[in-house]
Amino acid sequence: MREIKEKRVRDIMLASFLKAIGKEYIGNEREPDGKLSFIFEDDGDIDNKIDEYINGIAVINVSDFVQAYRNFKSIIYQRKESRNGQYE
């Protein structure tokens, strides 16, 4: 059985980009400082894709990016509400 390597990102735009290009989203986790990290499977190419994003040369489907962004915003909102005791 192979061990799954993880890549954690805190930036919602970067997370949306990774999701939009088909990187495997594993889940999210609140870090000790209270901030939320989005966790992706590190397939060995993820750092190259992050470099493309940072350097402004990445190509993505805008609809996929927007959908991923909306989904992650929803996750953040639900986690905030849960943390405030409004949702369990």
N, C-alpha and C. Protein backbone atom coordinates (compact mmCIF):
# COMPACT_ATOMS: atom_id res chain seq x y z
N MET A 1 0.84 -1.18 0.00
CA MET A 1 0.00 0.00 0.00
C MET A 1 0.88 1.24 0.00
N ARG A 2 0.60 2.15 -0.91
CA ARG A 2 1.43 3.35 -1.01
C ARG A 2 0.94 4.43 -0.05
N GLU A 3 1.88 5.19 0.44
CA GLU A 3 1.56 6.29 1.34
C GLU A 3 1.17 7.50 0.50
N ILE A 4 0.09 8.15 0.87
CA ILE A 4 -0.37 9.33 0.15
C ILE A 4 0.34 10.56 0.71
N LYS A 5 1.03 11.27 -0.18
CA LYS A 5 1.66 12.53 0.21
C LYS A 5 0.63 13.64 0.10
N GLU A 6 0.73 14.59 1.02
CA GLU A 6 -0.23 15.69 1.04
C GLU A 6 0.46 17.02 0.77
N LYS A 7 -0.31 17.92 0.18
CA LYS A 7 0.11 19.31 0.01
C LYS A 7 -0.98 20.16 0.64
N ARG A 8 -0.61 20.99 1.60
CA ARG A 8 -1.56 21.86 2.28
C ARG A 8 -1.39 23.29 1.77
N VAL A 9 -2.50 23.91 1.45
CA VAL A 9 -2.48 25.31 1.03
C VAL A 9 -3.54 26.07 1.81
N ARG A 10 -3.24 27.31 2.12
CA ARG A 10 -4.18 28.15 2.86
C ARG A 10 -4.89 29.15 1.97
N ASP A 11 -4.32 29.44 0.84
CA ASP A 11 -4.87 30.45 -0.08
C ASP A 11 -6.03 29.85 -0.86
N ILE A 12 -7.21 30.44 -0.73
CA ILE A 12 -8.41 29.90 -1.38
C ILE A 12 -8.30 29.97 -2.90
N MET A 13 -7.63 30.98 -3.43
CA MET A 13 -7.48 31.09 -4.88
C MET A 13 -6.57 29.98 -5.41
N LEU A 14 -5.48 29.72 -4.69
CA LEU A 14 -4.59 28.64 -5.09
C LEU A 14 -5.29 27.29 -4.98
N ALA A 15 -6.03 27.10 -3.90
CA ALA A 15 -6.79 25.85 -3.73
C ALA A 15 -7.81 25.69 -4.86
N SER A 16 -8.46 26.77 -5.24
CA SER A 16 -9.44 26.71 -6.33
C SER A 16 -8.76 26.35 -7.65
N PHE A 17 -7.59 26.92 -7.86
CA PHE A 17 -6.82 26.59 -9.06
C PHE A 17 -6.47 25.10 -9.10
N LEU A 18 -5.96 24.59 -7.98
CA LEU A 18 -5.57 23.18 -7.93
C LEU A 18 -6.77 22.27 -8.20
N LYS A 19 -7.90 22.60 -7.61
CA LYS A 19 -9.11 21.81 -7.83
C LYS A 19 -9.56 21.90 -9.28
N ALA A 20 -9.47 23.10 -9.85
CA ALA A 20 -9.92 23.32 -11.24
C ALA A 20 -9.08 22.56 -12.25
N ILE A 21 -7.80 22.32 -11.94
CA ILE A 21 -6.96 21.58 -12.88
C ILE A 21 -6.97 20.08 -12.60
N GLY A 22 -7.82 19.67 -11.65
CA GLY A 22 -8.03 18.25 -11.43
C GLY A 22 -7.18 17.60 -10.35
N LYS A 23 -6.52 18.41 -9.53
CA LYS A 23 -5.75 17.82 -8.43
C LYS A 23 -6.73 17.26 -7.40
N GLU A 24 -6.37 16.14 -6.80
CA GLU A 24 -7.25 15.41 -5.89
C GLU A 24 -7.34 16.13 -4.55
N TYR A 25 -8.55 16.65 -4.27
CA TYR A 25 -8.82 17.32 -3.00
C TYR A 25 -9.13 16.26 -1.95
N ILE A 26 -8.37 16.27 -0.86
CA ILE A 26 -8.54 15.28 0.20
C ILE A 26 -9.49 15.78 1.29
N GLY A 27 -9.36 17.04 1.66
CA GLY A 27 -10.20 17.60 2.71
C GLY A 27 -9.61 18.89 3.22
N ASN A 28 -10.05 19.27 4.41
CA ASN A 28 -9.53 20.50 5.02
C ASN A 28 -9.33 20.27 6.50
N GLU A 29 -8.53 21.13 7.08
CA GLU A 29 -8.22 20.98 8.50
C GLU A 29 -7.89 22.35 9.08
N ARG A 30 -8.38 22.59 10.27
CA ARG A 30 -8.05 23.83 10.95
C ARG A 30 -6.67 23.68 11.58
N GLU A 31 -5.80 24.63 11.31
CA GLU A 31 -4.44 24.62 11.82
C GLU A 31 -4.43 25.18 13.24
N PRO A 32 -3.33 24.97 13.99
CA PRO A 32 -3.25 25.46 15.36
C PRO A 32 -3.48 26.98 15.51
N ASP A 33 -3.16 27.73 14.46
CA ASP A 33 -3.38 29.18 14.52
C ASP A 33 -4.82 29.58 14.17
N GLY A 34 -5.67 28.57 13.93
CA GLY A 34 -7.08 28.82 13.65
C GLY A 34 -7.42 28.95 12.18
N LYS A 35 -6.43 29.01 11.33
CA LYS A 35 -6.68 29.16 9.89
C LYS A 35 -6.95 27.79 9.26
N LEU A 36 -7.71 27.81 8.19
CA LEU A 36 -8.10 26.59 7.50
C LEU A 36 -7.11 26.27 6.38
N SER A 37 -6.68 25.03 6.32
CA SER A 37 -5.84 24.55 5.22
C SER A 37 -6.65 23.61 4.35
N PHE A 38 -6.47 23.75 3.03
CA PHE A 38 -7.06 22.84 2.08
C PHE A 38 -5.99 21.80 1.74
N ILE A 39 -6.37 20.54 1.78
CA ILE A 39 -5.39 19.46 1.62
C ILE A 39 -5.62 18.75 0.29
N PHE A 40 -4.54 18.63 -0.48
CA PHE A 40 -4.58 17.97 -1.77
C PHE A 40 -3.57 16.82 -1.78
N GLU A 41 -3.84 15.84 -2.61
CA GLU A 41 -2.88 14.76 -2.80
C GLU A 41 -1.71 15.31 -3.62
N ASP A 42 -0.51 15.07 -3.14
CA ASP A 42 0.70 15.50 -3.85
C ASP A 42 1.11 14.38 -4.80
N ASP A 43 0.80 14.58 -6.06
CA ASP A 43 1.07 13.56 -7.08
C ASP A 43 2.46 13.68 -7.70
N GLY A 44 3.30 14.54 -7.14
CA GLY A 44 4.63 14.74 -7.66
C GLY A 44 4.73 15.88 -8.66
N ASP A 45 3.60 16.33 -9.18
CA ASP A 45 3.56 17.42 -10.16
C ASP A 45 2.95 18.69 -9.58
N ILE A 46 2.44 18.59 -8.38
CA ILE A 46 1.67 19.70 -7.82
C ILE A 46 2.52 20.96 -7.62
N ASP A 47 3.79 20.81 -7.24
CA ASP A 47 4.65 21.98 -7.07
C ASP A 47 4.90 22.69 -8.40
N ASN A 48 5.02 21.92 -9.48
CA ASN A 48 5.18 22.54 -10.80
C ASN A 48 3.95 23.35 -11.17
N LYS A 49 2.77 22.81 -10.87
CA LYS A 49 1.52 23.52 -11.18
C LYS A 49 1.39 24.78 -10.32
N ILE A 50 1.81 24.70 -9.07
CA ILE A 50 1.78 25.88 -8.20
C ILE A 50 2.72 26.95 -8.76
N ASP A 51 3.90 26.54 -9.23
CA ASP A 51 4.84 27.49 -9.84
C ASP A 51 4.22 28.16 -11.07
N GLU A 52 3.52 27.38 -11.90
CA GLU A 52 2.85 27.95 -13.07
C GLU A 52 1.82 28.99 -12.63
N TYR A 53 1.07 28.68 -11.59
CA TYR A 53 0.05 29.60 -11.07
C TYR A 53 0.71 30.89 -10.58
N ILE A 54 1.74 30.76 -9.79
CA ILE A 54 2.43 31.93 -9.22
C ILE A 54 3.06 32.78 -10.32
N ASN A 55 3.60 32.13 -11.35
CA ASN A 55 4.26 32.85 -12.44
C ASN A 55 3.29 33.37 -13.50
N GLY A 56 2.00 33.08 -13.33
CA GLY A 56 0.99 33.60 -14.24
C GLY A 56 0.96 32.93 -15.60
N ILE A 57 1.44 31.69 -15.68
CA ILE A 57 1.44 31.00 -16.97
C ILE A 57 0.51 29.78 -16.99
N ALA A 58 -0.23 29.60 -15.92
CA ALA A 58 -1.15 28.47 -15.84
C ALA A 58 -2.37 28.71 -16.72
N VAL A 59 -2.87 27.64 -17.31
CA VAL A 59 -4.07 27.71 -18.14
C VAL A 59 -5.13 26.83 -17.49
N ILE A 60 -6.31 27.43 -17.26
CA ILE A 60 -7.40 26.67 -16.63
C ILE A 60 -8.73 27.02 -17.28
N ASN A 61 -9.71 26.20 -17.00
CA ASN A 61 -11.08 26.46 -17.39
C ASN A 61 -11.68 27.38 -16.33
N VAL A 62 -12.11 28.56 -16.74
CA VAL A 62 -12.61 29.55 -15.79
C VAL A 62 -13.85 29.05 -15.05
N SER A 63 -14.73 28.35 -15.72
CA SER A 63 -15.93 27.82 -15.08
C SER A 63 -15.57 26.86 -13.95
N ASP A 64 -14.58 26.00 -14.19
CA ASP A 64 -14.13 25.06 -13.16
C ASP A 64 -13.53 25.81 -11.97
N PHE A 65 -12.77 26.86 -12.26
CA PHE A 65 -12.15 27.66 -11.20
C PHE A 65 -13.22 28.33 -10.34
N VAL A 66 -14.20 28.95 -10.98
CA VAL A 66 -15.26 29.65 -10.25
C VAL A 66 -16.05 28.66 -9.40
N GLN A 67 -16.37 27.50 -9.95
CA GLN A 67 -17.11 26.49 -9.19
C GLN A 67 -16.31 26.03 -7.98
N ALA A 68 -15.02 25.78 -8.16
CA ALA A 68 -14.17 25.36 -7.04
C ALA A 68 -14.11 26.46 -5.99
N TYR A 69 -13.97 27.70 -6.42
CA TYR A 69 -13.91 28.84 -5.49
C TYR A 69 -15.20 28.92 -4.66
N ARG A 70 -16.33 28.80 -5.31
CA ARG A 70 -17.62 28.84 -4.60
C ARG A 70 -17.73 27.70 -3.58
N ASN A 71 -17.30 26.51 -3.98
CA ASN A 71 -17.35 25.38 -3.07
C ASN A 71 -16.47 25.61 -1.84
N PHE A 72 -15.27 26.12 -2.06
CA PHE A 72 -14.36 26.36 -0.94
C PHE A 72 -14.87 27.50 -0.05
N LYS A 73 -15.48 28.52 -0.64
CA LYS A 73 -16.07 29.59 0.17
C LYS A 73 -17.17 29.02 1.07
N SER A 74 -17.95 28.11 0.52
CA SER A 74 -19.01 27.47 1.28
C SER A 74 -18.43 26.67 2.44
N ILE A 75 -17.34 25.96 2.19
CA ILE A 75 -16.68 25.19 3.26
C ILE A 75 -16.20 26.12 4.36
N ILE A 76 -15.57 27.23 3.97
CA ILE A 76 -15.08 28.19 4.97
C ILE A 76 -16.24 28.73 5.79
N TYR A 77 -17.33 29.09 5.13
CA TYR A 77 -18.49 29.63 5.84
C TYR A 77 -19.05 28.60 6.82
N GLN A 78 -19.19 27.36 6.37
CA GLN A 78 -19.72 26.32 7.25
C GLN A 78 -18.81 26.08 8.44
N ARG A 79 -17.51 26.10 8.22
CA ARG A 79 -16.56 25.89 9.32
C ARG A 79 -16.62 27.05 10.31
N LYS A 80 -16.77 28.28 9.82
CA LYS A 80 -16.88 29.44 10.70
C LYS A 80 -18.15 29.37 11.54
N GLU A 81 -19.24 29.01 10.89
CA GLU A 81 -20.51 28.90 11.60
C GLU A 81 -20.43 27.79 12.66
N SER A 82 -19.82 26.69 12.32
CA SER A 82 -19.67 25.58 13.26
C SER A 82 -18.81 26.01 14.45
N ARG A 83 -17.77 26.76 14.16
CA ARG A 83 -16.87 27.22 15.21
C ARG A 83 -17.56 28.21 16.14
N ASN A 84 -18.50 28.96 15.61
CA ASN A 84 -19.25 29.92 16.42
C ASN A 84 -20.40 29.28 17.16
N GLY A 85 -20.58 27.98 16.99
CA GLY A 85 -21.62 27.26 17.70
C GLY A 85 -22.99 27.34 17.08
N GLN A 86 -23.09 27.92 15.89
CA GLN A 86 -24.40 28.03 15.25
C GLN A 86 -24.78 26.74 14.53
N TYR A 87 -23.79 26.02 14.03
CA TYR A 87 -24.04 24.74 13.38
C TYR A 87 -23.18 23.69 14.05
N GLU A 88 -23.63 22.49 14.04
CA GLU A 88 -22.84 21.41 14.63
C GLU A 88 -22.57 20.36 13.58
